[in-house]
Amino acid sequence: EIMPSLVGSEMCIRDSTTMLWFDKDDVSAKNNRAVNLSKLRVLVESVGGCTISKISGNWRVQFEKNAFVDYYECLPERIRPDSLTTERIKIIAALTAKGGLLNECDYLWLDAFKSRIADNLIESLLKYATLLDEHEAFDTKLLISDIIFRFDSVNEAALRLKCATYVFMRKQYMAKTTYEHFCREYKLSLIHI
């Protein structure tokens, strides 16, 4: 809830206190907020290109035009199928090279956010893939399926896309290898249920 609220919009102080310090009384919550915002400001200033300000009782995160924010690149409004390009897909691939978004962050409050972003991303990438000519853009289709597999290693739509692309490229061995790998991943996922 808090992540989408921070980028490109404002967040009410009362809302942030309710979300983050629901178990604290007003005085403790106010103290925690002040300490954490102070730390956050120092961190943001060290990175550069970003400021945190308070406008009319609301907190706002503002980025300079030349600032690159990986989180922003994966927001639903930025990954609509009609706004995707091969270059943007390469950026998303680079952002997800080590796995899903925010893979190193294991916080319960972040799980719902990561899930929504992953679902939106997968849906948009699959829709974009259908817009591509089936006999062209092989590299882009393979990249799309690889990105999806980083979020969901047993995504059947990504499997179909990747195998069909390899078949169109006349690389049946790669299609077979992809399918066999998928089957191993699927079996492993059943063990963990």
C-alpha atoms as a PDB file:
ATOM      1  CA  GLU A   1       0.000   0.000   0.000  1.00  0.00           C
ATOM      2  CA  ILE A   2       2.755   2.442   0.910  1.00  0.00           C
ATOM      3  CA  MET A   3       5.057   1.851  -2.075  1.00  0.00           C
ATOM      4  CA  PRO A   4       2.639   2.943  -4.813  1.00  0.00           C
ATOM      5  CA  SER A   5       1.576   5.823  -2.599  1.00  0.00           C
ATOM      6  CA  LEU A   6       5.055   7.283  -2.416  1.00  0.00           C
ATOM      7  CA  VAL A   7       6.091   7.560  -6.048  1.00  0.00           C
ATOM      8  CA  GLY A   8       4.423  10.279  -8.054  1.00  0.00           C
ATOM      9  CA  SER A   9       1.850  11.148  -5.428  1.00  0.00           C
ATOM     10  CA  GLU A  10       1.569  12.280  -1.864  1.00  0.00           C
ATOM     11  CA  MET A  11       1.011  10.316   1.309  1.00  0.00           C
ATOM     12  CA  CYS A  12      -0.871  11.678   4.277  1.00  0.00           C
ATOM     13  CA  ILE A  13       1.104  11.633   7.527  1.00  0.00           C
ATOM     14  CA  ARG A  14      -1.859  10.058   9.324  1.00  0.00           C
ATOM     15  CA  ASP A  15      -2.022   7.259   6.709  1.00  0.00           C
ATOM     16  CA  SER A  16       1.698   6.531   6.984  1.00  0.00           C
ATOM     17  CA  THR A  17       1.465   6.406  10.761  1.00  0.00           C
ATOM     18  CA  THR A  18      -1.520   4.049  10.614  1.00  0.00           C
ATOM     19  CA  MET A  19       0.232   1.740   8.126  1.00  0.00           C
ATOM     20  CA  LEU A  20       3.685   1.640   9.645  1.00  0.00           C
ATOM     21  CA  TRP A  21       3.192   2.164  13.368  1.00  0.00           C
ATOM     22  CA  PHE A  22      -0.275   0.810  14.019  1.00  0.00           C
ATOM     23  CA  ASP A  23       0.887  -0.810  17.261  1.00  0.00           C
ATOM     24  CA  LYS A  24       2.302   2.421  18.742  1.00  0.00           C
ATOM     25  CA  ASP A  25       0.631   5.215  20.657  1.00  0.00           C
ATOM     26  CA  ASP A  26       0.623   8.681  19.038  1.00  0.00           C
ATOM     27  CA  VAL A  27       3.784   9.917  20.788  1.00  0.00           C
ATOM     28  CA  SER A  28       5.827   6.766  19.965  1.00  0.00           C
ATOM     29  CA  ALA A  29       4.543   6.730  16.391  1.00  0.00           C
ATOM     30  CA  LYS A  30       5.480  10.393  15.908  1.00  0.00           C
ATOM     31  CA  ASN A  31       8.973   9.741  17.307  1.00  0.00           C
ATOM     32  CA  ASN A  32       9.458   6.651  15.101  1.00  0.00           C
ATOM     33  CA  ARG A  33       8.278   8.582  12.054  1.00  0.00           C
ATOM     34  CA  ALA A  34      10.721  11.440  12.729  1.00  0.00           C
ATOM     35  CA  VAL A  35      13.677   9.090  13.265  1.00  0.00           C
ATOM     36  CA  ASN A  36      12.906   6.988  10.182  1.00  0.00           C
ATOM     37  CA  LEU A  37      12.307   9.987   7.928  1.00  0.00           C
ATOM     38  CA  SER A  38      15.591  11.499   9.066  1.00  0.00           C
ATOM     39  CA  LYS A  39      17.421   8.280   8.153  1.00  0.00           C
ATOM     40  CA  LEU A  40      15.552   8.049   4.849  1.00  0.00           C
ATOM     41  CA  ARG A  41      16.399  11.643   3.925  1.00  0.00           C
ATOM     42  CA  VAL A  42      20.118  11.028   4.555  1.00  0.00           C
ATOM     43  CA  LEU A  43      19.990   7.897   2.408  1.00  0.00           C
ATOM     44  CA  VAL A  44      18.070   9.607  -0.402  1.00  0.00           C
ATOM     45  CA  GLU A  45      20.422  12.603  -0.388  1.00  0.00           C
ATOM     46  CA  SER A  46      23.433  10.293  -0.682  1.00  0.00           C
ATOM     47  CA  VAL A  47      21.946   8.695  -3.809  1.00  0.00           C
ATOM     48  CA  GLY A  48      20.996  12.016  -5.397  1.00  0.00           C
ATOM     49  CA  GLY A  49      18.296  12.927  -7.879  1.00  0.00           C
ATOM     50  CA  CYS A  50      15.552  12.573  -5.298  1.00  0.00           C
ATOM     51  CA  THR A  51      14.023  14.585  -2.488  1.00  0.00           C
ATOM     52  CA  ILE A  52      11.497  13.907   0.253  1.00  0.00           C
ATOM     53  CA  SER A  53       9.367  16.876   1.155  1.00  0.00           C
ATOM     54  CA  LYS A  54       6.312  17.721   3.184  1.00  0.00           C
ATOM     55  CA  ILE A  55       3.644  19.656   1.319  1.00  0.00           C
ATOM     56  CA  SER A  56       0.416  20.661   3.079  1.00  0.00           C
ATOM     57  CA  GLY A  57       0.727  17.864   5.618  1.00  0.00           C
ATOM     58  CA  ASN A  58       1.544  15.187   3.051  1.00  0.00           C
ATOM     59  CA  TRP A  59       4.863  13.476   2.342  1.00  0.00           C
ATOM     60  CA  ARG A  60       6.030  13.481  -1.260  1.00  0.00           C
ATOM     61  CA  VAL A  61       8.943  11.733  -2.980  1.00  0.00           C
ATOM     62  CA  GLN A  62      10.105  13.693  -6.017  1.00  0.00           C
ATOM     63  CA  PHE A  63      12.636  12.595  -8.622  1.00  0.00           C
ATOM     64  CA  GLU A  64      14.672  14.750 -10.955  1.00  0.00           C
ATOM     65  CA  LYS A  65      14.111  14.115 -14.664  1.00  0.00           C
ATOM     66  CA  ASN A  66      17.479  12.412 -15.097  1.00  0.00           C
ATOM     67  CA  ALA A  67      16.968  10.064 -12.125  1.00  0.00           C
ATOM     68  CA  PHE A  68      16.446   6.400 -12.981  1.00  0.00           C
ATOM     69  CA  VAL A  69      14.076   4.581 -10.636  1.00  0.00           C
ATOM     70  CA  ASP A  70      13.861   0.859 -11.316  1.00  0.00           C
ATOM     71  CA  TYR A  71      10.668   0.510  -9.296  1.00  0.00           C
ATOM     72  CA  TYR A  72       9.010   3.187 -11.445  1.00  0.00           C
ATOM     73  CA  GLU A  73       9.907   1.274 -14.615  1.00  0.00           C
ATOM     74  CA  CYS A  74       7.693  -1.635 -13.520  1.00  0.00           C
ATOM     75  CA  LEU A  75       4.609   0.272 -12.397  1.00  0.00           C
ATOM     76  CA  PRO A  76       1.446  -0.862 -14.205  1.00  0.00           C
ATOM     77  CA  GLU A  77       1.048   2.414 -16.107  1.00  0.00           C
ATOM     78  CA  ARG A  78       4.601   2.048 -17.499  1.00  0.00           C
ATOM     79  CA  ILE A  79       4.232  -1.557 -18.643  1.00  0.00           C
ATOM     80  CA  ARG A  80       0.978  -1.429 -20.594  1.00  0.00           C
ATOM     81  CA  PRO A  81       1.305  -3.601 -23.714  1.00  0.00           C
ATOM     82  CA  ASP A  82       0.697  -0.586 -25.973  1.00  0.00           C
ATOM     83  CA  SER A  83       3.551   1.326 -24.333  1.00  0.00           C
ATOM     84  CA  LEU A  84       6.120  -1.487 -24.338  1.00  0.00           C
ATOM     85  CA  THR A  85       8.996  -1.551 -26.778  1.00  0.00           C
ATOM     86  CA  THR A  86      11.911  -3.890 -27.287  1.00  0.00           C
ATOM     87  CA  GLU A  87      14.134  -1.368 -25.497  1.00  0.00           C
ATOM     88  CA  ARG A  88      11.819  -1.224 -22.468  1.00  0.00           C
ATOM     89  CA  ILE A  89      11.736  -5.024 -22.362  1.00  0.00           C
ATOM     90  CA  LYS A  90      15.542  -5.034 -22.300  1.00  0.00           C
ATOM     91  CA  ILE A  91      15.423  -2.621 -19.348  1.00  0.00           C
ATOM     92  CA  ILE A  92      12.963  -4.880 -17.513  1.00  0.00           C
ATOM     93  CA  ALA A  93      15.190  -7.870 -18.299  1.00  0.00           C
ATOM     94  CA  ALA A  94      18.172  -6.068 -16.780  1.00  0.00           C
ATOM     95  CA  LEU A  95      16.142  -5.106 -13.689  1.00  0.00           C
ATOM     96  CA  THR A  96      15.058  -8.707 -13.178  1.00  0.00           C
ATOM     97  CA  ALA A  97      18.366 -10.372 -14.113  1.00  0.00           C
ATOM     98  CA  LYS A  98      18.855 -11.653 -10.553  1.00  0.00           C
ATOM     99  CA  GLY A  99      15.250 -12.801 -10.210  1.00  0.00           C
ATOM    100  CA  GLY A 100      11.952 -11.080  -9.485  1.00  0.00           C
ATOM    101  CA  LEU A 101      11.764  -7.484  -8.333  1.00  0.00           C
ATOM    102  CA  LEU A 102      12.998  -6.798  -4.821  1.00  0.00           C
ATOM    103  CA  ASN A 103      14.100 -10.421  -4.558  1.00  0.00           C
ATOM    104  CA  GLU A 104      16.493  -9.674  -1.699  1.00  0.00           C
ATOM    105  CA  CYS A 105      13.749  -8.016   0.355  1.00  0.00           C
ATOM    106  CA  ASP A 106      11.860 -10.488   2.463  1.00  0.00           C
ATOM    107  CA  TYR A 107       9.251  -8.507   4.362  1.00  0.00           C
ATOM    108  CA  LEU A 108       5.720  -9.700   4.897  1.00  0.00           C
ATOM    109  CA  TRP A 109       4.292  -6.233   4.204  1.00  0.00           C
ATOM    110  CA  LEU A 110       6.058  -6.190   0.822  1.00  0.00           C
ATOM    111  CA  ASP A 111       4.726  -9.532  -0.466  1.00  0.00           C
ATOM    112  CA  ALA A 112       1.361  -8.229  -1.706  1.00  0.00           C
ATOM    113  CA  PHE A 113       3.074  -5.373  -3.537  1.00  0.00           C
ATOM    114  CA  LYS A 114       5.613  -7.678  -5.195  1.00  0.00           C
ATOM    115  CA  SER A 115       2.858 -10.073  -6.205  1.00  0.00           C
ATOM    116  CA  ARG A 116       0.750  -7.311  -7.817  1.00  0.00           C
ATOM    117  CA  ILE A 117       3.736  -5.953  -9.727  1.00  0.00           C
ATOM    118  CA  ALA A 118       4.704  -9.461 -10.923  1.00  0.00           C
ATOM    119  CA  ASP A 119       1.151 -10.268 -12.019  1.00  0.00           C
ATOM    120  CA  ASN A 120       0.829  -6.972 -13.929  1.00  0.00           C
ATOM    121  CA  LEU A 121       4.215  -7.428 -15.520  1.00  0.00           C
ATOM    122  CA  ILE A 122       3.527 -10.996 -16.644  1.00  0.00           C
ATOM    123  CA  GLU A 123       0.118 -10.073 -18.043  1.00  0.00           C
ATOM    124  CA  SER A 124       1.489  -7.086 -19.971  1.00  0.00           C
ATOM    125  CA  LEU A 125       4.461  -8.999 -21.357  1.00  0.00           C
ATOM    126  CA  LEU A 126       2.254 -11.835 -22.571  1.00  0.00           C
ATOM    127  CA  LYS A 127      -0.151  -9.383 -24.230  1.00  0.00           C
ATOM    128  CA  TYR A 128       2.763  -7.588 -25.861  1.00  0.00           C
ATOM    129  CA  ALA A 129       4.101 -10.908 -27.172  1.00  0.00           C
ATOM    130  CA  THR A 130       0.783 -11.519 -28.947  1.00  0.00           C
ATOM    131  CA  LEU A 131       1.196  -8.201 -30.762  1.00  0.00           C
ATOM    132  CA  LEU A 132       4.471  -9.370 -32.291  1.00  0.00           C
ATOM    133  CA  ASP A 133       4.505 -11.195 -35.628  1.00  0.00           C
ATOM    134  CA  GLU A 134       4.893 -14.904 -34.891  1.00  0.00           C
ATOM    135  CA  HIS A 135       7.651 -15.209 -37.499  1.00  0.00           C
ATOM    136  CA  GLU A 136       9.643 -12.225 -36.243  1.00  0.00           C
ATOM    137  CA  ALA A 137      11.042 -10.730 -33.046  1.00  0.00           C
ATOM    138  CA  PHE A 138      12.385 -14.071 -31.862  1.00  0.00           C
ATOM    139  CA  ASP A 139      14.909 -12.517 -29.485  1.00  0.00           C
ATOM    140  CA  THR A 140      12.247 -10.333 -27.899  1.00  0.00           C
ATOM    141  CA  LYS A 141       9.876 -13.270 -27.414  1.00  0.00           C
ATOM    142  CA  LEU A 142      12.626 -15.359 -25.826  1.00  0.00           C
ATOM    143  CA  LEU A 143      13.507 -12.445 -23.559  1.00  0.00           C
ATOM    144  CA  ILE A 144       9.859 -12.036 -22.558  1.00  0.00           C
ATOM    145  CA  SER A 145       9.550 -15.711 -21.654  1.00  0.00           C
ATOM    146  CA  ASP A 146      12.808 -15.552 -19.650  1.00  0.00           C
ATOM    147  CA  ILE A 147      11.545 -12.537 -17.684  1.00  0.00           C
ATOM    148  CA  ILE A 148       8.282 -14.312 -16.900  1.00  0.00           C
ATOM    149  CA  PHE A 149      10.135 -17.450 -15.773  1.00  0.00           C
ATOM    150  CA  ARG A 150      12.078 -15.301 -13.284  1.00  0.00           C
ATOM    151  CA  PHE A 151       8.794 -14.501 -11.575  1.00  0.00           C
ATOM    152  CA  ASP A 152       7.010 -17.799 -12.163  1.00  0.00           C
ATOM    153  CA  SER A 153       9.166 -20.768 -13.131  1.00  0.00           C
ATOM    154  CA  VAL A 154       6.101 -22.869 -13.999  1.00  0.00           C
ATOM    155  CA  ASN A 155       4.187 -20.339 -16.100  1.00  0.00           C
ATOM    156  CA  GLU A 156       2.603 -22.343 -18.908  1.00  0.00           C
ATOM    157  CA  ALA A 157       2.034 -19.340 -21.165  1.00  0.00           C
ATOM    158  CA  ALA A 158       5.758 -18.503 -21.004  1.00  0.00           C
ATOM    159  CA  LEU A 159       6.541 -22.135 -21.818  1.00  0.00           C
ATOM    160  CA  ARG A 160       4.259 -22.070 -24.878  1.00  0.00           C
ATOM    161  CA  LEU A 161       5.787 -18.783 -26.033  1.00  0.00           C
ATOM    162  CA  LYS A 162       9.357 -19.979 -25.641  1.00  0.00           C
ATOM    163  CA  CYS A 163       8.823 -23.410 -27.213  1.00  0.00           C
ATOM    164  CA  ALA A 164       6.822 -21.994 -30.139  1.00  0.00           C
ATOM    165  CA  THR A 165       9.520 -19.392 -30.742  1.00  0.00           C
ATOM    166  CA  TYR A 166      12.217 -22.059 -30.808  1.00  0.00           C
ATOM    167  CA  VAL A 167      10.139 -24.155 -33.217  1.00  0.00           C
ATOM    168  CA  PHE A 168       9.707 -21.155 -35.558  1.00  0.00           C
ATOM    169  CA  MET A 169      13.474 -20.658 -35.350  1.00  0.00           C
ATOM    170  CA  ARG A 170      13.892 -24.343 -36.293  1.00  0.00           C
ATOM    171  CA  LYS A 171      15.586 -25.073 -32.960  1.00  0.00           C
ATOM    172  CA  GLN A 172      13.528 -28.073 -31.899  1.00  0.00           C
ATOM    173  CA  TYR A 173      16.283 -29.254 -29.562  1.00  0.00           C
ATOM    174  CA  MET A 174      16.061 -25.982 -27.611  1.00  0.00           C
ATOM    175  CA  ALA A 175      12.265 -26.305 -27.464  1.00  0.00           C
ATOM    176  CA  LYS A 176      12.642 -29.839 -26.102  1.00  0.00           C
ATOM    177  CA  THR A 177      15.283 -28.757 -23.575  1.00  0.00           C
ATOM    178  CA  THR A 178      13.043 -25.890 -22.432  1.00  0.00           C
ATOM    179  CA  TYR A 179      10.107 -28.252 -22.027  1.00  0.00           C
ATOM    180  CA  GLU A 180      12.156 -30.788 -20.052  1.00  0.00           C
ATOM    181  CA  HIS A 181      13.482 -28.058 -17.761  1.00  0.00           C
ATOM    182  CA  PHE A 182       9.917 -26.840 -17.228  1.00  0.00           C
ATOM    183  CA  CYS A 183       8.814 -30.381 -16.292  1.00  0.00           C
ATOM    184  CA  ARG A 184      11.611 -30.629 -13.701  1.00  0.00           C
ATOM    185  CA  GLU A 185      10.636 -27.256 -12.219  1.00  0.00           C
ATOM    186  CA  TYR A 186       6.985 -28.286 -12.155  1.00  0.00           C
ATOM    187  CA  LYS A 187       7.768 -31.523 -10.305  1.00  0.00           C
ATOM    188  CA  LEU A 188       9.860 -29.580  -7.783  1.00  0.00           C
ATOM    189  CA  SER A 189       7.021 -27.133  -7.234  1.00  0.00           C
ATOM    190  CA  LEU A 190       4.682 -30.017  -6.421  1.00  0.00           C
ATOM    191  CA  ILE A 191       7.075 -31.311  -3.776  1.00  0.00           C
ATOM    192  CA  HIS A 192       7.013 -27.947  -1.994  1.00  0.00           C
ATOM    193  CA  ILE A 193       3.210 -27.810  -1.758  1.00  0.00           C
END
